Amino acid sequence: MICSFFGHRTIEKTEALVEATEREIKKAIEAGCRTFYIGGFGGFDAMCYEIVTRLKEEKYGLNIQRVYCVPQERYLRKKSRYFDPEEYEDIIYLTLSF
């Protein structure tokens, strides 16, 4: 099972938003999800990455995979403030039809 997050570049990161998002991520984990696709160019993506990473560290023994999604390889050549390849378990390239 795969869960994906692709959100807005700018968000109003409130405690309520973080709590609601974390609740949904926990539901996905409880349902068996261990792979999380995360975009890399916005506040929502960064927030989801932070939550998944914290849960990955807290839930010892769960093999949670954080997968960075990018539309084309050329985007990886640009330095992004949201992307460090060492922080993800995998990278995938999405097709244009996606």
PDB file of N, CA and C in Angstrom:
ATOM      1  N   MET A   1       0.849  -1.171   0.000  1.00  0.00           N
ATOM      2  CA  MET A   1       0.000   0.000   0.000  1.00  0.00           C
ATOM      3  C   MET A   1       0.903   1.245   0.000  1.00  0.00           C
ATOM      4  N   ILE A   2       0.518   2.225  -0.783  1.00  0.00           N
ATOM      5  CA  ILE A   2       1.286   3.460  -0.912  1.00  0.00           C
ATOM      6  C   ILE A   2       0.398   4.644  -0.580  1.00  0.00           C
ATOM      7  N   CYS A   3       0.950   5.589   0.150  1.00  0.00           N
ATOM      8  CA  CYS A   3       0.264   6.842   0.465  1.00  0.00           C
ATOM      9  C   CYS A   3       1.090   7.953  -0.170  1.00  0.00           C
ATOM     10  N   SER A   4       0.438   8.924  -0.780  1.00  0.00           N
ATOM     11  CA  SER A   4       1.207   9.994  -1.426  1.00  0.00           C
ATOM     12  C   SER A   4       0.748  11.365  -0.961  1.00  0.00           C
ATOM     13  N   PHE A   5       1.708  12.279  -0.919  1.00  0.00           N
ATOM     14  CA  PHE A   5       1.451  13.670  -0.522  1.00  0.00           C
ATOM     15  C   PHE A   5       2.020  14.591  -1.593  1.00  0.00           C
ATOM     16  N   PHE A   6       1.179  15.409  -2.147  1.00  0.00           N
ATOM     17  CA  PHE A   6       1.611  16.439  -3.092  1.00  0.00           C
ATOM     18  C   PHE A   6       0.745  17.640  -2.788  1.00  0.00           C
ATOM     19  N   GLY A   7       1.342  18.659  -2.216  1.00  0.00           N
ATOM     20  CA  GLY A   7       0.513  19.760  -1.750  1.00  0.00           C
ATOM     21  C   GLY A   7       0.943  21.102  -2.266  1.00  0.00           C
ATOM     22  N   HIS A   8       0.522  22.090  -1.556  1.00  0.00           N
ATOM     23  CA  HIS A   8       0.748  23.478  -1.942  1.00  0.00           C
ATOM     24  C   HIS A   8       2.141  23.944  -1.536  1.00  0.00           C
ATOM     25  N   ARG A   9       2.643  24.878  -2.303  1.00  0.00           N
ATOM     26  CA  ARG A   9       3.960  25.448  -2.014  1.00  0.00           C
ATOM     27  C   ARG A   9       3.929  26.187  -0.677  1.00  0.00           C
ATOM     28  N   THR A  10       2.901  26.954  -0.453  1.00  0.00           N
ATOM     29  CA  THR A  10       2.792  27.677   0.814  1.00  0.00           C
ATOM     30  C   THR A  10       1.514  27.234   1.526  1.00  0.00           C
ATOM     31  N   ILE A  11       1.647  27.021   2.818  1.00  0.00           N
ATOM     32  CA  ILE A  11       0.494  26.652   3.636  1.00  0.00           C
ATOM     33  C   ILE A  11       0.552  27.428   4.941  1.00  0.00           C
ATOM     34  N   GLU A  12      -0.572  27.525   5.593  1.00  0.00           N
ATOM     35  CA  GLU A  12      -0.600  28.054   6.950  1.00  0.00           C
ATOM     36  C   GLU A  12      -0.487  26.839   7.866  1.00  0.00           C
ATOM     37  N   LYS A  13       0.704  26.604   8.380  1.00  0.00           N
ATOM     38  CA  LYS A  13       0.979  25.407   9.177  1.00  0.00           C
ATOM     39  C   LYS A  13       0.492  25.633  10.603  1.00  0.00           C
ATOM     40  N   THR A  14      -0.721  25.195  10.840  1.00  0.00           N
ATOM     41  CA  THR A  14      -1.309  25.337  12.166  1.00  0.00           C
ATOM     42  C   THR A  14      -1.195  24.022  12.927  1.00  0.00           C
ATOM     43  N   GLU A  15      -1.352  24.095  14.222  1.00  0.00           N
ATOM     44  CA  GLU A  15      -1.329  22.891  15.054  1.00  0.00           C
ATOM     45  C   GLU A  15      -2.457  21.941  14.634  1.00  0.00           C
ATOM     46  N   ALA A  16      -3.615  22.509  14.304  1.00  0.00           N
ATOM     47  CA  ALA A  16      -4.751  21.687  13.878  1.00  0.00           C
ATOM     48  C   ALA A  16      -4.447  20.944  12.581  1.00  0.00           C
ATOM     49  N   LEU A  17      -3.784  21.609  11.637  1.00  0.00           N
ATOM     50  CA  LEU A  17      -3.433  20.971  10.369  1.00  0.00           C
ATOM     51  C   LEU A  17      -2.425  19.838  10.595  1.00  0.00           C
ATOM     52  N   VAL A  18      -1.417  20.085  11.417  1.00  0.00           N
ATOM     53  CA  VAL A  18      -0.409  19.063  11.703  1.00  0.00           C
ATOM     54  C   VAL A  18      -1.076  17.867  12.382  1.00  0.00           C
ATOM     55  N   GLU A  19      -1.929  18.122  13.370  1.00  0.00           N
ATOM     56  CA  GLU A  19      -2.596  17.036  14.092  1.00  0.00           C
ATOM     57  C   GLU A  19      -3.492  16.219  13.168  1.00  0.00           C
ATOM     58  N   ALA A  20      -4.256  16.895  12.324  1.00  0.00           N
ATOM     59  CA  ALA A  20      -5.160  16.188  11.408  1.00  0.00           C
ATOM     60  C   ALA A  20      -4.368  15.361  10.395  1.00  0.00           C
ATOM     61  N   THR A  21      -3.291  15.912   9.884  1.00  0.00           N
ATOM     62  CA  THR A  21      -2.470  15.194   8.918  1.00  0.00           C
ATOM     63  C   THR A  21      -1.800  13.998   9.583  1.00  0.00           C
ATOM     64  N   GLU A  22      -1.289  14.181  10.784  1.00  0.00           N
ATOM     65  CA  GLU A  22      -0.655  13.077  11.505  1.00  0.00           C
ATOM     66  C   GLU A  22      -1.665  11.965  11.784  1.00  0.00           C
ATOM     67  N   ARG A  23      -2.861  12.337  12.150  1.00  0.00           N
ATOM     68  CA  ARG A  23      -3.921  11.354  12.402  1.00  0.00           C
ATOM     69  C   ARG A  23      -4.169  10.500  11.163  1.00  0.00           C
ATOM     70  N   GLU A  24      -4.226  11.139   9.998  1.00  0.00           N
ATOM     71  CA  GLU A  24      -4.468  10.404   8.753  1.00  0.00           C
ATOM     72  C   GLU A  24      -3.277   9.522   8.377  1.00  0.00           C
ATOM     73  N   ILE A  25      -2.072  10.004   8.621  1.00  0.00           N
ATOM     74  CA  ILE A  25      -0.884   9.194   8.340  1.00  0.00           C
ATOM     75  C   ILE A  25      -0.861   7.973   9.250  1.00  0.00           C
ATOM     76  N   LYS A  26      -1.204   8.154  10.517  1.00  0.00           N
ATOM     77  CA  LYS A  26      -1.257   7.020  11.445  1.00  0.00           C
ATOM     78  C   LYS A  26      -2.305   5.999  11.003  1.00  0.00           C
ATOM     79  N   LYS A  27      -3.438   6.476  10.506  1.00  0.00           N
ATOM     80  CA  LYS A  27      -4.462   5.558   9.984  1.00  0.00           C
ATOM     81  C   LYS A  27      -3.900   4.739   8.826  1.00  0.00           C
ATOM     82  N   ALA A  28      -3.142   5.405   7.959  1.00  0.00           N
ATOM     83  CA  ALA A  28      -2.546   4.702   6.813  1.00  0.00           C
ATOM     84  C   ALA A  28      -1.554   3.644   7.300  1.00  0.00           C
ATOM     85  N   ILE A  29      -0.749   3.981   8.294  1.00  0.00           N
ATOM     86  CA  ILE A  29       0.212   3.022   8.844  1.00  0.00           C
ATOM     87  C   ILE A  29      -0.522   1.841   9.468  1.00  0.00           C
ATOM     88  N   GLU A  30      -1.570   2.115  10.229  1.00  0.00           N
ATOM     89  CA  GLU A  30      -2.349   1.049  10.863  1.00  0.00           C
ATOM     90  C   GLU A  30      -3.009   0.147   9.824  1.00  0.00           C
ATOM     91  N   ALA A  31      -3.319   0.714   8.656  1.00  0.00           N
ATOM     92  CA  ALA A  31      -3.932  -0.070   7.579  1.00  0.00           C
ATOM     93  C   ALA A  31      -2.886  -0.856   6.779  1.00  0.00           C
ATOM     94  N   GLY A  32      -1.605  -0.672   7.120  1.00  0.00           N
ATOM     95  CA  GLY A  32      -0.551  -1.444   6.462  1.00  0.00           C
ATOM     96  C   GLY A  32       0.340  -0.668   5.519  1.00  0.00           C
ATOM     97  N   CYS A  33       0.126   0.624   5.391  1.00  0.00           N
ATOM     98  CA  CYS A  33       0.947   1.427   4.488  1.00  0.00           C
ATOM     99  C   CYS A  33       2.348   1.578   5.067  1.00  0.00           C
ATOM    100  N   ARG A  34       3.356   1.318   4.234  1.00  0.00           N
ATOM    101  CA  ARG A  34       4.751   1.481   4.655  1.00  0.00           C
ATOM    102  C   ARG A  34       5.557   2.312   3.654  1.00  0.00           C
ATOM    103  N   THR A  35       4.933   2.691   2.546  1.00  0.00           N
ATOM    104  CA  THR A  35       5.608   3.498   1.530  1.00  0.00           C
ATOM    105  C   THR A  35       4.861   4.813   1.381  1.00  0.00           C
ATOM    106  N   PHE A  36       5.612   5.899   1.477  1.00  0.00           N
ATOM    107  CA  PHE A  36       5.022   7.233   1.388  1.00  0.00           C
ATOM    108  C   PHE A  36       5.722   8.009   0.285  1.00  0.00           C
ATOM    109  N   TYR A  37       4.963   8.399  -0.737  1.00  0.00           N
ATOM    110  CA  TYR A  37       5.483   9.217  -1.828  1.00  0.00           C
ATOM    111  C   TYR A  37       5.332  10.679  -1.397  1.00  0.00           C
ATOM    112  N   ILE A  38       6.420  11.418  -1.511  1.00  0.00           N
ATOM    113  CA  ILE A  38       6.407  12.804  -1.049  1.00  0.00           C
ATOM    114  C   ILE A  38       6.969  13.691  -2.147  1.00  0.00           C
ATOM    115  N   GLY A  39       6.225  14.724  -2.494  1.00  0.00           N
ATOM    116  CA  GLY A  39       6.728  15.723  -3.429  1.00  0.00           C
ATOM    117  C   GLY A  39       7.768  16.556  -2.703  1.00  0.00           C
ATOM    118  N   GLY A  40       8.392  17.459  -3.369  1.00  0.00           N
ATOM    119  CA  GLY A  40       9.479  18.156  -2.703  1.00  0.00           C
ATOM    120  C   GLY A  40       9.555  19.648  -2.924  1.00  0.00           C
ATOM    121  N   PHE A  41       8.466  20.294  -3.223  1.00  0.00           N
ATOM    122  CA  PHE A  41       8.586  21.706  -3.556  1.00  0.00           C
ATOM    123  C   PHE A  41       7.604  22.593  -2.804  1.00  0.00           C
ATOM    124  N   GLY A  42       7.197  22.181  -1.628  1.00  0.00           N
ATOM    125  CA  GLY A  42       6.249  23.035  -0.940  1.00  0.00           C
ATOM    126  C   GLY A  42       6.123  22.760   0.535  1.00  0.00           C
ATOM    127  N   GLY A  43       5.416  23.650   1.188  1.00  0.00           N
ATOM    128  CA  GLY A  43       5.228  23.559   2.624  1.00  0.00           C
ATOM    129  C   GLY A  43       4.467  22.324   3.062  1.00  0.00           C
ATOM    130  N   PHE A  44       3.451  21.933   2.299  1.00  0.00           N
ATOM    131  CA  PHE A  44       2.691  20.743   2.666  1.00  0.00           C
ATOM    132  C   PHE A  44       3.564  19.493   2.557  1.00  0.00           C
ATOM    133  N   ASP A  45       4.330  19.398   1.489  1.00  0.00           N
ATOM    134  CA  ASP A  45       5.241  18.263   1.309  1.00  0.00           C
ATOM    135  C   ASP A  45       6.231  18.188   2.469  1.00  0.00           C
ATOM    136  N   ALA A  46       6.803  19.320   2.847  1.00  0.00           N
ATOM    137  CA  ALA A  46       7.783  19.365   3.931  1.00  0.00           C
ATOM    138  C   ALA A  46       7.138  18.953   5.251  1.00  0.00           C
ATOM    139  N   MET A  47       5.923  19.409   5.508  1.00  0.00           N
ATOM    140  CA  MET A  47       5.230  19.046   6.731  1.00  0.00           C
ATOM    141  C   MET A  47       4.978  17.538   6.782  1.00  0.00           C
ATOM    142  N   CYS A  48       4.523  16.959   5.690  1.00  0.00           N
ATOM    143  CA  CYS A  48       4.266  15.518   5.636  1.00  0.00           C
ATOM    144  C   CYS A  48       5.553  14.735   5.812  1.00  0.00           C
ATOM    145  N   TYR A  49       6.634  15.200   5.204  1.00  0.00           N
ATOM    146  CA  TYR A  49       7.928  14.553   5.370  1.00  0.00           C
ATOM    147  C   TYR A  49       8.323  14.529   6.848  1.00  0.00           C
ATOM    148  N   GLU A  50       8.155  15.657   7.522  1.00  0.00           N
ATOM    149  CA  GLU A  50       8.511  15.751   8.943  1.00  0.00           C
ATOM    150  C   GLU A  50       7.697  14.765   9.779  1.00  0.00           C
ATOM    151  N   ILE A  51       6.405  14.674   9.523  1.00  0.00           N
ATOM    152  CA  ILE A  51       5.539  13.775  10.290  1.00  0.00           C
ATOM    153  C   ILE A  51       5.914  12.325  10.031  1.00  0.00           C
ATOM    154  N   VAL A  52       6.070  11.950   8.764  1.00  0.00           N
ATOM    155  CA  VAL A  52       6.421  10.565   8.426  1.00  0.00           C
ATOM    156  C   VAL A  52       7.770  10.205   9.036  1.00  0.00           C
ATOM    157  N   THR A  53       8.730  11.118   8.989  1.00  0.00           N
ATOM    158  CA  THR A  53      10.051  10.856   9.549  1.00  0.00           C
ATOM    159  C   THR A  53       9.967  10.646  11.052  1.00  0.00           C
ATOM    160  N   ARG A  54       9.217  11.477  11.738  1.00  0.00           N
ATOM    161  CA  ARG A  54       9.069  11.325  13.188  1.00  0.00           C
ATOM    162  C   ARG A  54       8.414   9.993  13.526  1.00  0.00           C
ATOM    163  N   LEU A  55       7.354   9.641  12.798  1.00  0.00           N
ATOM    164  CA  LEU A  55       6.678   8.367  13.048  1.00  0.00           C
ATOM    165  C   LEU A  55       7.582   7.191  12.712  1.00  0.00           C
ATOM    166  N   LYS A  56       8.393   7.335  11.679  1.00  0.00           N
ATOM    167  CA  LYS A  56       9.347   6.280  11.316  1.00  0.00           C
ATOM    168  C   LYS A  56      10.322   6.036  12.465  1.00  0.00           C
ATOM    169  N   GLU A  57      10.781   7.117  13.070  1.00  0.00           N
ATOM    170  CA  GLU A  57      11.725   6.996  14.183  1.00  0.00           C
ATOM    171  C   GLU A  57      11.054   6.471  15.451  1.00  0.00           C
ATOM    172  N   GLU A  58       9.801   6.864  15.692  1.00  0.00           N
ATOM    173  CA  GLU A  58       9.073   6.430  16.889  1.00  0.00           C
ATOM    174  C   GLU A  58       8.615   4.986  16.790  1.00  0.00           C
ATOM    175  N   LYS A  59       8.217   4.563  15.617  1.00  0.00           N
ATOM    176  CA  LYS A  59       7.664   3.223  15.415  1.00  0.00           C
ATOM    177  C   LYS A  59       8.786   2.262  15.069  1.00  0.00           C
ATOM    178  N   TYR A  60       9.650   2.008  16.020  1.00  0.00           N
ATOM    179  CA  TYR A  60      10.797   1.128  15.809  1.00  0.00           C
ATOM    180  C   TYR A  60      10.322  -0.209  15.250  1.00  0.00           C
ATOM    181  N   GLY A  61      11.015  -0.688  14.236  1.00  0.00           N
ATOM    182  CA  GLY A  61      10.673  -1.970  13.641  1.00  0.00           C
ATOM    183  C   GLY A  61       9.815  -1.847  12.393  1.00  0.00           C
ATOM    184  N   LEU A  62       9.225  -0.689  12.162  1.00  0.00           N
ATOM    185  CA  LEU A  62       8.444  -0.512  10.940  1.00  0.00           C
ATOM    186  C   LEU A  62       9.384  -0.091   9.813  1.00  0.00           C
ATOM    187  N   ASN A  63       9.283  -0.771   8.710  1.00  0.00           N
ATOM    188  CA  ASN A  63      10.119  -0.465   7.557  1.00  0.00           C
ATOM    189  C   ASN A  63       9.408   0.571   6.698  1.00  0.00           C
ATOM    190  N   ILE A  64       9.384   1.802   7.163  1.00  0.00           N
ATOM    191  CA  ILE A  64       8.709   2.878   6.436  1.00  0.00           C
ATOM    192  C   ILE A  64       9.675   3.453   5.408  1.00  0.00           C
ATOM    193  N   GLN A  65       9.223   3.546   4.171  1.00  0.00           N
ATOM    194  CA  GLN A  65      10.018   4.069   3.063  1.00  0.00           C
ATOM    195  C   GLN A  65       9.529   5.467   2.694  1.00  0.00           C
ATOM    196  N   ARG A  66      10.436   6.439   2.720  1.00  0.00           N
ATOM    197  CA  ARG A  66      10.115   7.788   2.256  1.00  0.00           C
ATOM    198  C   ARG A  66      10.653   7.902   0.835  1.00  0.00           C
ATOM    199  N   VAL A  67       9.765   8.131  -0.118  1.00  0.00           N
ATOM    200  CA  VAL A  67      10.130   8.135  -1.536  1.00  0.00           C
ATOM    201  C   VAL A  67       9.914   9.535  -2.096  1.00  0.00           C
ATOM    202  N   TYR A  68      10.984  10.118  -2.601  1.00  0.00           N
ATOM    203  CA  TYR A  68      10.912  11.435  -3.208  1.00  0.00           C
ATOM    204  C   TYR A  68      10.416  11.291  -4.638  1.00  0.00           C
ATOM    205  N   CYS A  69       9.413  12.054  -4.994  1.00  0.00           N
ATOM    206  CA  CYS A  69       8.826  11.987  -6.338  1.00  0.00           C
ATOM    207  C   CYS A  69       9.163  13.257  -7.103  1.00  0.00           C
ATOM    208  N   VAL A  70       9.637  13.057  -8.303  1.00  0.00           N
ATOM    209  CA  VAL A  70      10.037  14.174  -9.150  1.00  0.00           C
ATOM    210  C   VAL A  70       9.576  13.868 -10.576  1.00  0.00           C
ATOM    211  N   PRO A  71       9.120  14.873 -11.326  1.00  0.00           N
ATOM    212  CA  PRO A  71       8.605  14.588 -12.667  1.00  0.00           C
ATOM    213  C   PRO A  71       9.674  14.195 -13.680  1.00  0.00           C
ATOM    214  N   GLN A  72      10.857  14.738 -13.564  1.00  0.00           N
ATOM    215  CA  GLN A  72      11.915  14.417 -14.526  1.00  0.00           C
ATOM    216  C   GLN A  72      13.258  14.481 -13.824  1.00  0.00           C
ATOM    217  N   GLU A  73      14.211  13.700 -14.300  1.00  0.00           N
ATOM    218  CA  GLU A  73      15.532  13.635 -13.672  1.00  0.00           C
ATOM    219  C   GLU A  73      16.214  14.996 -13.624  1.00  0.00           C
ATOM    220  N   ARG A  74      15.952  15.829 -14.599  1.00  0.00           N
ATOM    221  CA  ARG A  74      16.632  17.133 -14.651  1.00  0.00           C
ATOM    222  C   ARG A  74      16.319  17.996 -13.430  1.00  0.00           C
ATOM    223  N   TYR A  75      15.160  17.758 -12.783  1.00  0.00           N
ATOM    224  CA  TYR A  75      14.820  18.524 -11.594  1.00  0.00           C
ATOM    225  C   TYR A  75      15.741  18.195 -10.420  1.00  0.00           C
ATOM    226  N   LEU A  76      16.362  17.031 -10.441  1.00  0.00           N
ATOM    227  CA  LEU A  76      17.283  16.667  -9.370  1.00  0.00           C
ATOM    228  C   LEU A  76      18.610  17.406  -9.486  1.00  0.00           C
ATOM    229  N   ARG A  77      18.897  17.937 -10.656  1.00  0.00           N
ATOM    230  CA  ARG A  77      20.154  18.657 -10.850  1.00  0.00           C
ATOM    231  C   ARG A  77      20.124  20.021 -10.176  1.00  0.00           C
ATOM    232  N   LYS A  78      18.915  20.567  -9.987  1.00  0.00           N
ATOM    233  CA  LYS A  78      18.776  21.847  -9.309  1.00  0.00           C
ATOM    234  C   LYS A  78      18.851  21.622  -7.806  1.00  0.00           C
ATOM    235  N   LYS A  79      19.492  22.493  -7.122  1.00  0.00           N
ATOM    236  CA  LYS A  79      19.554  22.401  -5.659  1.00  0.00           C
ATOM    237  C   LYS A  79      18.220  22.890  -5.112  1.00  0.00           C
ATOM    238  N   SER A  80      17.539  22.029  -4.389  1.00  0.00           N
ATOM    239  CA  SER A  80      16.254  22.390  -3.805  1.00  0.00           C
ATOM    240  C   SER A  80      16.398  22.467  -2.298  1.00  0.00           C
ATOM    241  N   ARG A  81      15.782  23.468  -1.705  1.00  0.00           N
ATOM    242  CA  ARG A  81      15.855  23.588  -0.252  1.00  0.00           C
ATOM    243  C   ARG A  81      15.049  22.496   0.434  1.00  0.00           C
ATOM    244  N   TYR A  82      14.208  21.796  -0.320  1.00  0.00           N
ATOM    245  CA  TYR A  82      13.381  20.746   0.260  1.00  0.00           C
ATOM    246  C   TYR A  82      13.938  19.345   0.033  1.00  0.00           C
ATOM    247  N   PHE A  83      15.013  19.217  -0.710  1.00  0.00           N
ATOM    248  CA  PHE A  83      15.449  17.882  -1.084  1.00  0.00           C
ATOM    249  C   PHE A  83      16.905  17.624  -0.763  1.00  0.00           C
ATOM    250  N   ASP A  84      17.137  16.586   0.003  1.00  0.00           N
ATOM    251  CA  ASP A  84      18.465  16.052   0.251  1.00  0.00           C
ATOM    252  C   ASP A  84      18.347  14.552   0.011  1.00  0.00           C
ATOM    253  N   PRO A  85      19.030  14.016  -0.997  1.00  0.00           N
ATOM    254  CA  PRO A  85      18.848  12.600  -1.340  1.00  0.00           C
ATOM    255  C   PRO A  85      19.167  11.647  -0.190  1.00  0.00           C
ATOM    256  N   GLU A  86      19.967  12.089   0.760  1.00  0.00           N
ATOM    257  CA  GLU A  86      20.304  11.239   1.912  1.00  0.00           C
ATOM    258  C   GLU A  86      19.118  11.053   2.857  1.00  0.00           C
ATOM    259  N   GLU A  87      18.098  11.891   2.725  1.00  0.00           N
ATOM    260  CA  GLU A  87      16.958  11.845   3.641  1.00  0.00           C
ATOM    261  C   GLU A  87      15.822  10.949   3.150  1.00  0.00           C
ATOM    262  N   TYR A  88      15.995  10.341   1.992  1.00  0.00           N
ATOM    263  CA  TYR A  88      14.948   9.491   1.417  1.00  0.00           C
ATOM    264  C   TYR A  88      15.497   8.097   1.158  1.00  0.00           C
ATOM    265  N   GLU A  89      14.634   7.116   1.215  1.00  0.00           N
ATOM    266  CA  GLU A  89      15.031   5.745   0.939  1.00  0.00           C
ATOM    267  C   GLU A  89      15.031   5.437  -0.559  1.00  0.00           C
ATOM    268  N   ASP A  90      14.302   6.233  -1.346  1.00  0.00           N
ATOM    269  CA  ASP A  90      14.231   5.990  -2.785  1.00  0.00           C
ATOM    270  C   ASP A  90      13.806   7.264  -3.498  1.00  0.00           C
ATOM    271  N   ILE A  91      14.018   7.284  -4.795  1.00  0.00           N
ATOM    272  CA  ILE A  91      13.589   8.382  -5.664  1.00  0.00           C
ATOM    273  C   ILE A  91      12.867   7.749  -6.844  1.00  0.00           C
ATOM    274  N   ILE A  92      11.725   8.310  -7.225  1.00  0.00           N
ATOM    275  CA  ILE A  92      11.045   7.835  -8.425  1.00  0.00           C
ATOM    276  C   ILE A  92      10.763   9.018  -9.337  1.00  0.00           C
ATOM    277  N   TYR A  93      10.672   8.711 -10.616  1.00  0.00           N
ATOM    278  CA  TYR A  93      10.358   9.719 -11.623  1.00  0.00           C
ATOM    279  C   TYR A  93       8.950   9.447 -12.128  1.00  0.00           C
ATOM    280  N   LEU A  94       8.091  10.413 -11.979  1.00  0.00           N
ATOM    281  CA  LEU A  94       6.707  10.252 -12.404  1.00  0.00           C
ATOM    282  C   LEU A  94       6.569  10.502 -13.899  1.00  0.00           C
ATOM    283  N   THR A  95       5.657   9.787 -14.505  1.00  0.00           N
ATOM    284  CA  THR A  95       5.391  10.019 -15.921  1.00  0.00           C
ATOM    285  C   THR A  95       4.575  11.288 -16.072  1.00  0.00           C
ATOM    286  N   LEU A  96       4.617  11.878 -17.235  1.00  0.00           N
ATOM    287  CA  LEU A  96       3.838  13.092 -17.471  1.00  0.00           C
ATOM    288  C   LEU A  96       2.347  12.837 -17.308  1.00  0.00           C
ATOM    289  N   SER A  97       1.901  11.630 -17.621  1.00  0.00           N
ATOM    290  CA  SER A  97       0.472  11.333 -17.485  1.00  0.00           C
ATOM    291  C   SER A  97       0.029  11.284 -16.041  1.00  0.00           C
ATOM    292  N   PHE A  98       0.985  11.039 -15.111  1.00  0.00           N
ATOM    293  CA  PHE A  98       0.644  11.015 -13.700  1.00  0.00           C
ATOM    294  C   PHE A  98       0.200  12.398 -13.261  1.00  0.00           C
TER     295      PHE A  98
END
